[in-house]
C-alpha atoms as a PDB file:
ATOM      1  CA  MET A   1     162.851 -42.094  82.321  1.00  0.00           C
ATOM      2  CA  SER A   2     161.957 -41.369  85.961  1.00  0.00           C
ATOM      3  CA  THR A   3     159.016 -39.200  87.014  1.00  0.00           C
ATOM      4  CA  THR A   4     161.421 -36.504  88.168  1.00  0.00           C
ATOM      5  CA  GLU A   5     163.264 -36.476  84.844  1.00  0.00           C
ATOM      6  CA  SER A   6     160.083 -36.384  82.789  1.00  0.00           C
ATOM      7  CA  THR A   7     158.663 -33.575  84.943  1.00  0.00           C
ATOM      8  CA  ALA A   8     161.850 -31.521  84.585  1.00  0.00           C
ATOM      9  CA  GLU A   9     161.893 -32.044  80.816  1.00  0.00           C
ATOM     10  CA  SER A  10     158.243 -30.999  80.573  1.00  0.00           C
ATOM     11  CA  ILE A  11     158.827 -27.831  82.594  1.00  0.00           C
ATOM     12  CA  MET A  12     162.006 -26.717  80.844  1.00  0.00           C
ATOM     13  CA  PHE A  13     161.403 -27.620  77.235  1.00  0.00           C
ATOM     14  CA  THR A  14     157.682 -27.812  76.514  1.00  0.00           C
ATOM     15  CA  SER A  15     156.157 -25.054  78.629  1.00  0.00           C
ATOM     16  CA  PRO A  16     155.116 -22.262  76.223  1.00  0.00           C
ATOM     17  CA  THR A  17     154.915 -19.792  79.110  1.00  0.00           C
ATOM     18  CA  ILE A  18     158.542 -20.325  80.144  1.00  0.00           C
ATOM     19  CA  ILE A  19     159.891 -20.399  76.591  1.00  0.00           C
ATOM     20  CA  ASP A  20     157.983 -17.223  75.809  1.00  0.00           C
ATOM     21  CA  ALA A  21     159.414 -15.477  78.874  1.00  0.00           C
ATOM     22  CA  VAL A  22     162.931 -16.426  77.808  1.00  0.00           C
ATOM     23  CA  VAL A  23     162.924 -15.595  74.107  1.00  0.00           C
ATOM     24  CA  ARG A  24     160.702 -12.508  74.184  1.00  0.00           C
ATOM     25  CA  GLN A  25     162.927 -10.663  76.651  1.00  0.00           C
ATOM     26  CA  ASN A  26     164.618  -7.714  74.962  1.00  0.00           C
ATOM     27  CA  TYR A  27     168.410  -7.993  74.764  1.00  0.00           C
ATOM     28  CA  PRO A  28     169.646  -4.680  73.294  1.00  0.00           C
ATOM     29  CA  ALA A  29     172.905  -4.560  71.353  1.00  0.00           C
ATOM     30  CA  GLY A  30     175.748  -2.506  72.793  1.00  0.00           C
ATOM     31  CA  THR A  31     175.059  -3.872  76.282  1.00  0.00           C
ATOM     32  CA  LEU A  32     177.176  -5.753  78.810  1.00  0.00           C
ATOM     33  CA  TYR A  33     175.269  -8.599  80.432  1.00  0.00           C
ATOM     34  CA  VAL A  34     176.519  -9.620  83.902  1.00  0.00           C
ATOM     35  CA  VAL A  35     175.609 -13.294  84.166  1.00  0.00           C
ATOM     36  CA  ALA A  36     175.636 -15.382  87.345  1.00  0.00           C
ATOM     37  CA  THR A  37     176.856 -18.952  86.834  1.00  0.00           C
ATOM     38  CA  PRO A  38     176.538 -21.998  89.123  1.00  0.00           C
ATOM     39  CA  ILE A  39     178.643 -22.158  92.286  1.00  0.00           C
ATOM     40  CA  GLY A  40     178.511 -25.942  92.291  1.00  0.00           C
ATOM     41  CA  ASN A  41     175.630 -27.836  90.748  1.00  0.00           C
ATOM     42  CA  VAL A  42     175.628 -27.088  87.010  1.00  0.00           C
ATOM     43  CA  ALA A  43     171.821 -27.229  86.981  1.00  0.00           C
ATOM     44  CA  ASP A  44     171.734 -24.004  89.009  1.00  0.00           C
ATOM     45  CA  ILE A  45     171.741 -21.733  85.974  1.00  0.00           C
ATOM     46  CA  SER A  46     168.692 -19.879  84.734  1.00  0.00           C
ATOM     47  CA  LEU A  47     167.068 -20.560  81.391  1.00  0.00           C
ATOM     48  CA  ARG A  48     167.392 -16.857  80.667  1.00  0.00           C
ATOM     49  CA  ALA A  49     171.151 -17.021  81.255  1.00  0.00           C
ATOM     50  CA  LEU A  50     171.504 -20.005  78.933  1.00  0.00           C
ATOM     51  CA  HIS A  51     169.553 -18.222  76.212  1.00  0.00           C
ATOM     52  CA  LEU A  52     171.574 -15.026  76.610  1.00  0.00           C
ATOM     53  CA  LEU A  53     174.878 -16.910  76.409  1.00  0.00           C
ATOM     54  CA  THR A  54     173.831 -18.324  73.037  1.00  0.00           C
ATOM     55  CA  ILE A  55     173.099 -14.924  71.475  1.00  0.00           C
ATOM     56  CA  VAL A  56     176.010 -12.767  72.683  1.00  0.00           C
ATOM     57  CA  ASP A  57     178.967 -12.047  70.422  1.00  0.00           C
ATOM     58  CA  ALA A  58     181.550 -12.918  73.074  1.00  0.00           C
ATOM     59  CA  ILE A  59     181.899 -13.849  76.746  1.00  0.00           C
ATOM     60  CA  ALA A  60     184.362 -12.131  79.078  1.00  0.00           C
ATOM     61  CA  CYS A  61     185.410 -14.569  81.781  1.00  0.00           C
ATOM     62  CA  GLU A  62     187.759 -15.023  84.723  1.00  0.00           C
ATOM     63  CA  ASP A  63     189.426 -18.149  83.358  1.00  0.00           C
ATOM     64  CA  THR A  64     188.845 -19.158  79.729  1.00  0.00           C
ATOM     65  CA  ARG A  65     189.535 -22.826  80.454  1.00  0.00           C
ATOM     66  CA  ASN A  66     186.982 -23.055  83.245  1.00  0.00           C
ATOM     67  CA  THR A  67     184.353 -21.154  81.310  1.00  0.00           C
ATOM     68  CA  ALA A  68     184.903 -23.188  78.134  1.00  0.00           C
ATOM     69  CA  GLN A  69     184.370 -26.352  80.150  1.00  0.00           C
ATOM     70  CA  LEU A  70     181.222 -24.975  81.759  1.00  0.00           C
ATOM     71  CA  LEU A  71     179.760 -23.769  78.457  1.00  0.00           C
ATOM     72  CA  GLY A  72     180.574 -27.092  76.848  1.00  0.00           C
ATOM     73  CA  ARG A  73     178.310 -28.850  79.330  1.00  0.00           C
ATOM     74  CA  TYR A  74     175.403 -26.805  77.977  1.00  0.00           C
ATOM     75  CA  GLY A  75     176.490 -27.196  74.352  1.00  0.00           C
ATOM     76  CA  ILE A  76     177.427 -23.517  74.010  1.00  0.00           C
ATOM     77  CA  HIS A  77     180.501 -22.366  72.073  1.00  0.00           C
ATOM     78  CA  LYS A  78     181.396 -18.671  71.946  1.00  0.00           C
ATOM     79  CA  PRO A  79     184.573 -16.556  71.609  1.00  0.00           C
ATOM     80  CA  LEU A  80     186.046 -15.964  75.075  1.00  0.00           C
ATOM     81  CA  ILE A  81     187.833 -12.896  76.442  1.00  0.00           C
ATOM     82  CA  ALA A  82     190.135 -13.381  79.434  1.00  0.00           C
ATOM     83  CA  ALA A  83     189.076 -10.826  82.083  1.00  0.00           C
ATOM     84  CA  HIS A  84     190.754 -11.545  85.415  1.00  0.00           C
ATOM     85  CA  GLN A  85     191.901  -9.447  88.371  1.00  0.00           C
ATOM     86  CA  HIS A  86     195.257  -8.593  86.768  1.00  0.00           C
ATOM     87  CA  ASN A  87     193.940  -7.140  83.508  1.00  0.00           C
ATOM     88  CA  GLU A  88     190.455  -5.786  84.264  1.00  0.00           C
ATOM     89  CA  ARG A  89     191.127  -2.134  83.398  1.00  0.00           C
ATOM     90  CA  GLU A  90     192.902  -3.004  80.142  1.00  0.00           C
ATOM     91  CA  VAL A  91     190.216  -5.470  79.081  1.00  0.00           C
ATOM     92  CA  ALA A  92     187.464  -3.024  80.029  1.00  0.00           C
ATOM     93  CA  GLU A  93     188.655  -0.626  77.329  1.00  0.00           C
ATOM     94  CA  LYS A  94     188.598  -3.382  74.703  1.00  0.00           C
ATOM     95  CA  ILE A  95     185.125  -4.474  75.782  1.00  0.00           C
ATOM     96  CA  LEU A  96     183.986  -0.846  75.661  1.00  0.00           C
ATOM     97  CA  GLN A  97     185.124  -0.520  72.043  1.00  0.00           C
ATOM     98  CA  ARG A  98     183.271  -3.677  71.041  1.00  0.00           C
ATOM     99  CA  LEU A  99     180.091  -2.612  72.809  1.00  0.00           C
ATOM    100  CA  GLN A 100     180.230   0.819  71.193  1.00  0.00           C
ATOM    101  CA  ALA A 101     180.433  -1.009  67.855  1.00  0.00           C
ATOM    102  CA  GLY A 102     177.088  -2.640  68.659  1.00  0.00           C
ATOM    103  CA  GLU A 103     178.067  -6.043  70.057  1.00  0.00           C
ATOM    104  CA  ARG A 104     176.496  -7.869  72.966  1.00  0.00           C
ATOM    105  CA  ILE A 105     178.986  -9.200  75.516  1.00  0.00           C
ATOM    106  CA  ALA A 106     178.364 -11.347  78.577  1.00  0.00           C
ATOM    107  CA  LEU A 107     180.528 -11.149  81.702  1.00  0.00           C
ATOM    108  CA  VAL A 108     180.914 -14.249  83.893  1.00  0.00           C
ATOM    109  CA  SER A 109     183.235 -15.372  86.670  1.00  0.00           C
ATOM    110  CA  ASP A 110     184.381 -18.913  87.431  1.00  0.00           C
ATOM    111  CA  ALA A 111     181.409 -19.381  89.769  1.00  0.00           C
ATOM    112  CA  GLY A 112     178.623 -17.222  91.150  1.00  0.00           C
ATOM    113  CA  THR A 113     178.000 -13.547  90.509  1.00  0.00           C
ATOM    114  CA  PRO A 114     180.763 -11.434  88.930  1.00  0.00           C
ATOM    115  CA  GLY A 115     181.985  -8.494  90.995  1.00  0.00           C
ATOM    116  CA  VAL A 116     181.169 -10.131  94.352  1.00  0.00           C
ATOM    117  CA  SER A 117     184.594 -11.234  95.643  1.00  0.00           C
ATOM    118  CA  ASP A 118     185.301 -12.048  91.999  1.00  0.00           C
ATOM    119  CA  PRO A 119     186.585  -9.964  89.076  1.00  0.00           C
ATOM    120  CA  GLY A 120     184.098  -7.789  87.236  1.00  0.00           C
ATOM    121  CA  ALA A 121     183.508  -4.646  89.301  1.00  0.00           C
ATOM    122  CA  LYS A 122     186.281  -2.657  87.590  1.00  0.00           C
ATOM    123  CA  ILE A 123     184.951  -3.547  84.150  1.00  0.00           C
ATOM    124  CA  VAL A 124     181.441  -2.469  85.086  1.00  0.00           C
ATOM    125  CA  ASP A 125     182.834   0.745  86.595  1.00  0.00           C
ATOM    126  CA  VAL A 126     184.591   1.687  83.341  1.00  0.00           C
ATOM    127  CA  LEU A 127     181.511   0.926  81.243  1.00  0.00           C
ATOM    128  CA  LYS A 128     179.173   2.805  83.556  1.00  0.00           C
ATOM    129  CA  ALA A 129     181.462   5.840  83.401  1.00  0.00           C
ATOM    130  CA  ALA A 130     181.291   5.659  79.603  1.00  0.00           C
ATOM    131  CA  GLY A 131     177.500   5.512  79.642  1.00  0.00           C
ATOM    132  CA  VAL A 132     177.254   1.939  78.371  1.00  0.00           C
ATOM    133  CA  PRO A 133     174.200  -0.081  79.503  1.00  0.00           C
ATOM    134  CA  VAL A 134     174.912  -2.919  81.948  1.00  0.00           C
ATOM    135  CA  THR A 135     172.205  -5.527  82.601  1.00  0.00           C
ATOM    136  CA  PRO A 136     172.408  -8.174  85.365  1.00  0.00           C
ATOM    137  CA  LEU A 137     171.070 -11.699  84.960  1.00  0.00           C
ATOM    138  CA  PRO A 138     170.643 -12.841  88.580  1.00  0.00           C
ATOM    139  CA  GLY A 139     171.488 -16.278  89.836  1.00  0.00           C
ATOM    140  CA  ALA A 140     173.701 -18.221  92.206  1.00  0.00           C
ATOM    141  CA  SER A 141     175.411 -16.482  95.145  1.00  0.00           C
ATOM    142  CA  ALA A 142     177.178 -18.457  97.868  1.00  0.00           C
ATOM    143  CA  ALA A 143     176.685 -15.663 100.422  1.00  0.00           C
ATOM    144  CA  ILE A 144     172.923 -15.351  99.954  1.00  0.00           C
ATOM    145  CA  SER A 145     172.423 -19.108  99.683  1.00  0.00           C
ATOM    146  CA  ALA A 146     174.225 -19.694 102.985  1.00  0.00           C
ATOM    147  CA  LEU A 147     172.358 -16.841 104.686  1.00  0.00           C
ATOM    148  CA  SER A 148     168.998 -18.239 103.600  1.00  0.00           C
ATOM    149  CA  ALA A 149     169.781 -21.572 105.276  1.00  0.00           C
ATOM    150  CA  SER A 150     171.442 -20.110 108.393  1.00  0.00           C
ATOM    151  CA  GLY A 151     168.413 -19.299 110.505  1.00  0.00           C
ATOM    152  CA  LEU A 152     170.074 -16.098 111.727  1.00  0.00           C
ATOM    153  CA  LEU A 153     167.322 -13.662 112.575  1.00  0.00           C
ATOM    154  CA  ALA A 154     168.996 -10.308 111.949  1.00  0.00           C
ATOM    155  CA  ASP A 155     167.179  -8.245 109.346  1.00  0.00           C
ATOM    156  CA  ARG A 156     170.471  -6.793 108.107  1.00  0.00           C
ATOM    157  CA  PHE A 157     173.708  -8.357 106.927  1.00  0.00           C
ATOM    158  CA  TYR A 158     177.180  -7.003 106.205  1.00  0.00           C
ATOM    159  CA  PHE A 159     179.168  -8.739 103.472  1.00  0.00           C
ATOM    160  CA  VAL A 160     182.881  -8.765 104.303  1.00  0.00           C
ATOM    161  CA  GLY A 161     184.179 -11.280 101.768  1.00  0.00           C
ATOM    162  CA  PHE A 162     187.697 -12.645 102.272  1.00  0.00           C
ATOM    163  CA  LEU A 163     189.673 -11.554 105.336  1.00  0.00           C
ATOM    164  CA  PRO A 164     193.376 -10.629 105.030  1.00  0.00           C
ATOM    165  CA  ALA A 165     195.667 -13.658 105.035  1.00  0.00           C
ATOM    166  CA  LYS A 166     198.148 -12.156 107.533  1.00  0.00           C
ATOM    167  CA  ALA A 167     197.220 -12.684 111.191  1.00  0.00           C
ATOM    168  CA  GLY A 168     197.734  -9.098 112.328  1.00  0.00           C
ATOM    169  CA  GLN A 169     195.726  -7.577 109.488  1.00  0.00           C
ATOM    170  CA  ARG A 170     193.001 -10.178 109.960  1.00  0.00           C
ATOM    171  CA  GLU A 171     192.673  -9.340 113.663  1.00  0.00           C
ATOM    172  CA  THR A 172     192.509  -5.608 112.900  1.00  0.00           C
ATOM    173  CA  THR A 173     189.751  -6.188 110.367  1.00  0.00           C
ATOM    174  CA  LEU A 174     187.776  -8.391 112.749  1.00  0.00           C
ATOM    175  CA  ARG A 175     188.040  -5.849 115.567  1.00  0.00           C
ATOM    176  CA  SER A 176     186.717  -3.155 113.245  1.00  0.00           C
ATOM    177  CA  LEU A 177     183.574  -5.295 112.831  1.00  0.00           C
ATOM    178  CA  LEU A 178     182.861  -5.830 116.523  1.00  0.00           C
ATOM    179  CA  ASN A 179     180.033  -3.323 116.776  1.00  0.00           C
ATOM    180  CA  VAL A 180     178.435  -3.786 113.366  1.00  0.00           C
ATOM    181  CA  PRO A 181     174.695  -4.291 114.122  1.00  0.00           C
ATOM    182  CA  ALA A 182     174.215  -6.907 111.405  1.00  0.00           C
ATOM    183  CA  SER A 183     175.006 -10.511 110.637  1.00  0.00           C
ATOM    184  CA  LEU A 184     178.491 -10.753 109.150  1.00  0.00           C
ATOM    185  CA  ILE A 185     179.216 -12.818 106.029  1.00  0.00           C
ATOM    186  CA  PHE A 186     182.733 -13.945 105.138  1.00  0.00           C
ATOM    187  CA  TYR A 187     184.300 -16.124 102.461  1.00  0.00           C
ATOM    188  CA  GLU A 188     187.258 -18.317 103.380  1.00  0.00           C
ATOM    189  CA  ALA A 189     189.587 -20.783 101.699  1.00  0.00           C
ATOM    190  CA  PRO A 190     189.838 -24.296 103.188  1.00  0.00           C
ATOM    191  CA  HIS A 191     193.507 -24.024 104.159  1.00  0.00           C
ATOM    192  CA  ARG A 192     192.753 -20.976 106.335  1.00  0.00           C
ATOM    193  CA  ILE A 193     189.403 -21.975 107.825  1.00  0.00           C
ATOM    194  CA  THR A 194     190.743 -23.243 111.165  1.00  0.00           C
ATOM    195  CA  GLU A 195     192.976 -20.264 111.902  1.00  0.00           C
ATOM    196  CA  THR A 196     190.222 -17.864 110.831  1.00  0.00           C
ATOM    197  CA  VAL A 197     187.705 -19.441 113.202  1.00  0.00           C
ATOM    198  CA  HIS A 198     190.229 -19.269 116.059  1.00  0.00           C
ATOM    199  CA  ALA A 199     190.839 -15.599 115.239  1.00  0.00           C
ATOM    200  CA  MET A 200     187.100 -14.928 115.320  1.00  0.00           C
ATOM    201  CA  LEU A 201     186.822 -16.638 118.689  1.00  0.00           C
ATOM    202  CA  ASP A 202     189.690 -14.546 120.080  1.00  0.00           C
ATOM    203  CA  VAL A 203     188.095 -11.303 118.905  1.00  0.00           C
ATOM    204  CA  PHE A 204     184.358 -11.915 119.274  1.00  0.00           C
ATOM    205  CA  GLY A 205     184.363 -14.234 122.285  1.00  0.00           C
ATOM    206  CA  ASP A 206     182.042 -17.164 122.822  1.00  0.00           C
ATOM    207  CA  ASP A 207     178.720 -15.288 122.933  1.00  0.00           C
ATOM    208  CA  HIS A 208     178.059 -15.466 119.189  1.00  0.00           C
ATOM    209  CA  GLN A 209     176.479 -18.046 116.918  1.00  0.00           C
ATOM    210  CA  ILE A 210     178.487 -19.081 113.867  1.00  0.00           C
ATOM    211  CA  VAL A 211     177.328 -20.806 110.694  1.00  0.00           C
ATOM    212  CA  LEU A 212     179.917 -22.737 108.689  1.00  0.00           C
ATOM    213  CA  ALA A 213     178.646 -23.413 105.182  1.00  0.00           C
ATOM    214  CA  ARG A 214     180.997 -25.670 103.222  1.00  0.00           C
ATOM    215  CA  GLU A 215     180.740 -26.542  99.528  1.00  0.00           C
ATOM    216  CA  VAL A 216     177.373 -24.810  99.079  1.00  0.00           C
ATOM    217  CA  SER A 217     175.270 -26.552  96.369  1.00  0.00           C
ATOM    218  CA  LYS A 218     177.938 -29.214  95.785  1.00  0.00           C
ATOM    219  CA  LEU A 219     177.898 -32.943  96.476  1.00  0.00           C
ATOM    220  CA  PHE A 220     179.442 -32.742  99.968  1.00  0.00           C
ATOM    221  CA  GLU A 221     177.623 -29.626 101.143  1.00  0.00           C
ATOM    222  CA  GLU A 222     177.533 -29.048 104.904  1.00  0.00           C
ATOM    223  CA  ILE A 223     175.835 -26.169 106.717  1.00  0.00           C
ATOM    224  CA  HIS A 224     176.567 -26.299 110.421  1.00  0.00           C
ATOM    225  CA  ARG A 225     175.428 -23.826 113.085  1.00  0.00           C
ATOM    226  CA  CYS A 226     176.843 -23.766 116.602  1.00  0.00           C
ATOM    227  CA  PRO A 227     178.208 -21.432 119.303  1.00  0.00           C
ATOM    228  CA  LEU A 228     181.440 -19.830 118.110  1.00  0.00           C
ATOM    229  CA  SER A 229     183.273 -21.552 120.981  1.00  0.00           C
ATOM    230  CA  ALA A 230     182.287 -24.974 119.581  1.00  0.00           C
ATOM    231  CA  ALA A 231     183.394 -24.302 116.005  1.00  0.00           C
ATOM    232  CA  PRO A 232     187.089 -25.329 116.345  1.00  0.00           C
ATOM    233  CA  ALA A 233     186.085 -28.733 117.723  1.00  0.00           C
ATOM    234  CA  TRP A 234     183.575 -29.254 114.899  1.00  0.00           C
ATOM    235  CA  LEU A 235     186.246 -28.518 112.301  1.00  0.00           C
ATOM    236  CA  ALA A 236     188.757 -30.808 114.011  1.00  0.00           C
ATOM    237  CA  ALA A 237     186.297 -33.703 114.242  1.00  0.00           C
ATOM    238  CA  ASP A 238     186.544 -34.495 110.521  1.00  0.00           C
ATOM    239  CA  ALA A 239     189.597 -33.942 108.325  1.00  0.00           C
ATOM    240  CA  HIS A 240     187.331 -33.463 105.300  1.00  0.00           C
ATOM    241  CA  ARG A 241     186.055 -30.233 106.863  1.00  0.00           C
ATOM    242  CA  GLU A 242     189.318 -28.553 105.936  1.00  0.00           C
ATOM    243  CA  LYS A 243     188.471 -29.078 102.271  1.00  0.00           C
ATOM    244  CA  GLY A 244     186.164 -27.009 100.097  1.00  0.00           C
ATOM    245  CA  GLU A 245     185.292 -23.312 100.016  1.00  0.00           C
ATOM    246  CA  TYR A 246     183.506 -21.829 103.021  1.00  0.00           C
ATOM    247  CA  VAL A 247     180.932 -19.175 103.700  1.00  0.00           C
ATOM    248  CA  ILE A 248     181.089 -18.108 107.358  1.00  0.00           C
ATOM    249  CA  LEU A 249     178.276 -16.223 109.053  1.00  0.00           C
ATOM    250  CA  LEU A 250     178.329 -14.605 112.506  1.00  0.00           C
ATOM    251  CA  ASP A 251     175.140 -13.410 114.164  1.00  0.00           C
ATOM    252  CA  ALA A 252     174.569  -9.700 114.726  1.00  0.00           C
ATOM    253  CA  SER A 253     176.607  -7.911 117.368  1.00  0.00           C
ATOM    254  CA  GLN A 254     174.819  -6.988 120.563  1.00  0.00           C
ATOM    255  CA  ALA A 255     177.000  -3.923 120.973  1.00  0.00           C
ATOM    256  CA  ALA A 256     176.158  -1.433 123.733  1.00  0.00           C
ATOM    257  CA  GLU A 257     173.652   1.171 122.508  1.00  0.00           C
ATOM    258  CA  GLY A 258     171.563   4.041 123.887  1.00  0.00           C
ATOM    259  CA  GLU A 259     171.663   4.292 127.674  1.00  0.00           C
ATOM    260  CA  ASN A 260     174.039   1.351 127.880  1.00  0.00           C
ATOM    261  CA  ASP A 261     176.430   3.185 125.599  1.00  0.00           C
ATOM    262  CA  LEU A 262     176.328   6.303 127.768  1.00  0.00           C
ATOM    263  CA  GLU A 263     176.941   4.266 130.915  1.00  0.00           C
ATOM    264  CA  ALA A 264     179.740   2.339 129.229  1.00  0.00           C
ATOM    265  CA  ARG A 265     181.475   5.547 128.194  1.00  0.00           C
ATOM    266  CA  ARG A 266     181.097   7.032 131.674  1.00  0.00           C
ATOM    267  CA  VAL A 267     182.652   3.998 133.346  1.00  0.00           C
ATOM    268  CA  LEU A 268     185.359   3.625 130.720  1.00  0.00           C
ATOM    269  CA  GLY A 269     186.235   7.307 130.995  1.00  0.00           C
ATOM    270  CA  ILE A 270     187.055   6.812 134.663  1.00  0.00           C
ATOM    271  CA  LEU A 271     188.943   3.547 134.189  1.00  0.00           C
ATOM    272  CA  LEU A 272     191.014   4.752 131.235  1.00  0.00           C
ATOM    273  CA  GLU A 273     192.626   7.372 133.449  1.00  0.00           C
ATOM    274  CA  GLU A 274     194.397   4.562 135.325  1.00  0.00           C
ATOM    275  CA  CYS A 275     194.168   1.445 133.135  1.00  0.00           C
ATOM    276  CA  SER A 276     195.070   0.220 129.672  1.00  0.00           C
ATOM    277  CA  VAL A 277     192.327  -0.219 127.086  1.00  0.00           C
ATOM    278  CA  LYS A 278     192.184  -3.974 127.692  1.00  0.00           C
ATOM    279  CA  GLN A 279     192.115  -3.656 131.477  1.00  0.00           C
ATOM    280  CA  ALA A 280     189.458  -0.936 131.307  1.00  0.00           C
ATOM    281  CA  ALA A 281     187.247  -3.089 129.079  1.00  0.00           C
ATOM    282  CA  ASN A 282     187.618  -6.099 131.401  1.00  0.00           C
ATOM    283  CA  LEU A 283     186.734  -4.089 134.510  1.00  0.00           C
ATOM    284  CA  ALA A 284     183.894  -2.245 132.798  1.00  0.00           C
ATOM    285  CA  ALA A 285     182.391  -5.568 131.738  1.00  0.00           C
ATOM    286  CA  GLN A 286     182.383  -6.704 135.373  1.00  0.00           C
ATOM    287  CA  LEU A 287     180.857  -3.435 136.577  1.00  0.00           C
ATOM    288  CA  THR A 288     178.183  -2.960 133.900  1.00  0.00           C
ATOM    289  CA  GLY A 289     177.378  -6.466 132.729  1.00  0.00           C
ATOM    290  CA  LEU A 290     177.932  -5.379 129.131  1.00  0.00           C
ATOM    291  CA  LYS A 291     179.951  -7.404 126.662  1.00  0.00           C
ATOM    292  CA  LYS A 292     183.697  -7.145 126.999  1.00  0.00           C
ATOM    293  CA  ASN A 293     184.396  -7.100 123.268  1.00  0.00           C
ATOM    294  CA  ALA A 294     181.955  -4.245 122.643  1.00  0.00           C
ATOM    295  CA  LEU A 295     183.440  -2.314 125.574  1.00  0.00           C
ATOM    296  CA  TYR A 296     186.964  -2.877 124.261  1.00  0.00           C
ATOM    297  CA  GLN A 297     186.002  -1.310 120.937  1.00  0.00           C
ATOM    298  CA  ILE A 298     184.404   1.696 122.656  1.00  0.00           C
ATOM    299  CA  ALA A 299     187.462   2.120 124.894  1.00  0.00           C
ATOM    300  CA  LEU A 300     189.757   1.934 121.878  1.00  0.00           C
ATOM    301  CA  GLU A 301     187.760   4.629 120.110  1.00  0.00           C
ATOM    302  CA  MET A 302     187.825   6.841 123.225  1.00  0.00           C
ATOM    303  CA  LYS A 303     191.581   6.432 123.593  1.00  0.00           C
ATOM    304  CA  GLN A 304     192.187   7.227 119.931  1.00  0.00           C
ATOM    305  CA  ALA A 305     189.963  10.307 120.191  1.00  0.00           C
ATOM    306  CA  GLU A 306     192.105  11.569 123.076  1.00  0.00           C
ATOM    307  CA  SER A 307     195.267  11.336 120.994  1.00  0.00           C
ATOM    308  CA  ASP A 308     193.779  13.100 117.949  1.00  0.00           C
END
């Protein structure tokens, strides 16, 4: 046995302090336990989560096959309840009845934290409305993991999740985020990553930093940071980069604020009398030195306000 293996075994299985912290935690009956599961490496599960999964009466999960396989790797076998996006409300009522009868039930998704771009929120909503206790067991989150390794300095972030698949709806959503004063976090599927990055470049321009985090915590993990303008070339440089789930992060918008905002609105007010929104934003950018994308959003808001 290697030093690393023996150290890990000593920490996990022979430390009285850790074992005591796990088994002495109170796990009341009649409670739903929202349990985060690994997003890649199966070792990324807490000892508390493993203990809880062995004492619940049943586990509600996104896909029973995936969860059975995951539990099997830890030697855990429990009755499973299918709870996916198409039956959440119906299953919530059944879970509610079982909890009111005094059972303990865990809620998991295929990977990561339930209810975060995964099923689970509707179930929790129903149980909360009924006054049933819901307890989270924290753990893996692709969004937070990628953010922690991004180096983006904004003290706020805005979680968007998956963008619409249709180009027009995606562009509308991206434009609505232009002036958000926070780092933006997206999830994206591999078959849409290239078109999504191009859409971001079209909307946000080349004055943003992007972080492309692929296969977080898995064997072929890559976390790449570059100017947004360089991202398409990075993706195209290796065909393998169009495989695996992505977390995308964009640095915080430098949207016009304060005095700049007042000046932008003054200039745009004049230009919009003679120009389209796009033309006004382009000219205002030249006149004020402010960012064209931020000015476009302000001009769009001003134009819409006129028509209301």
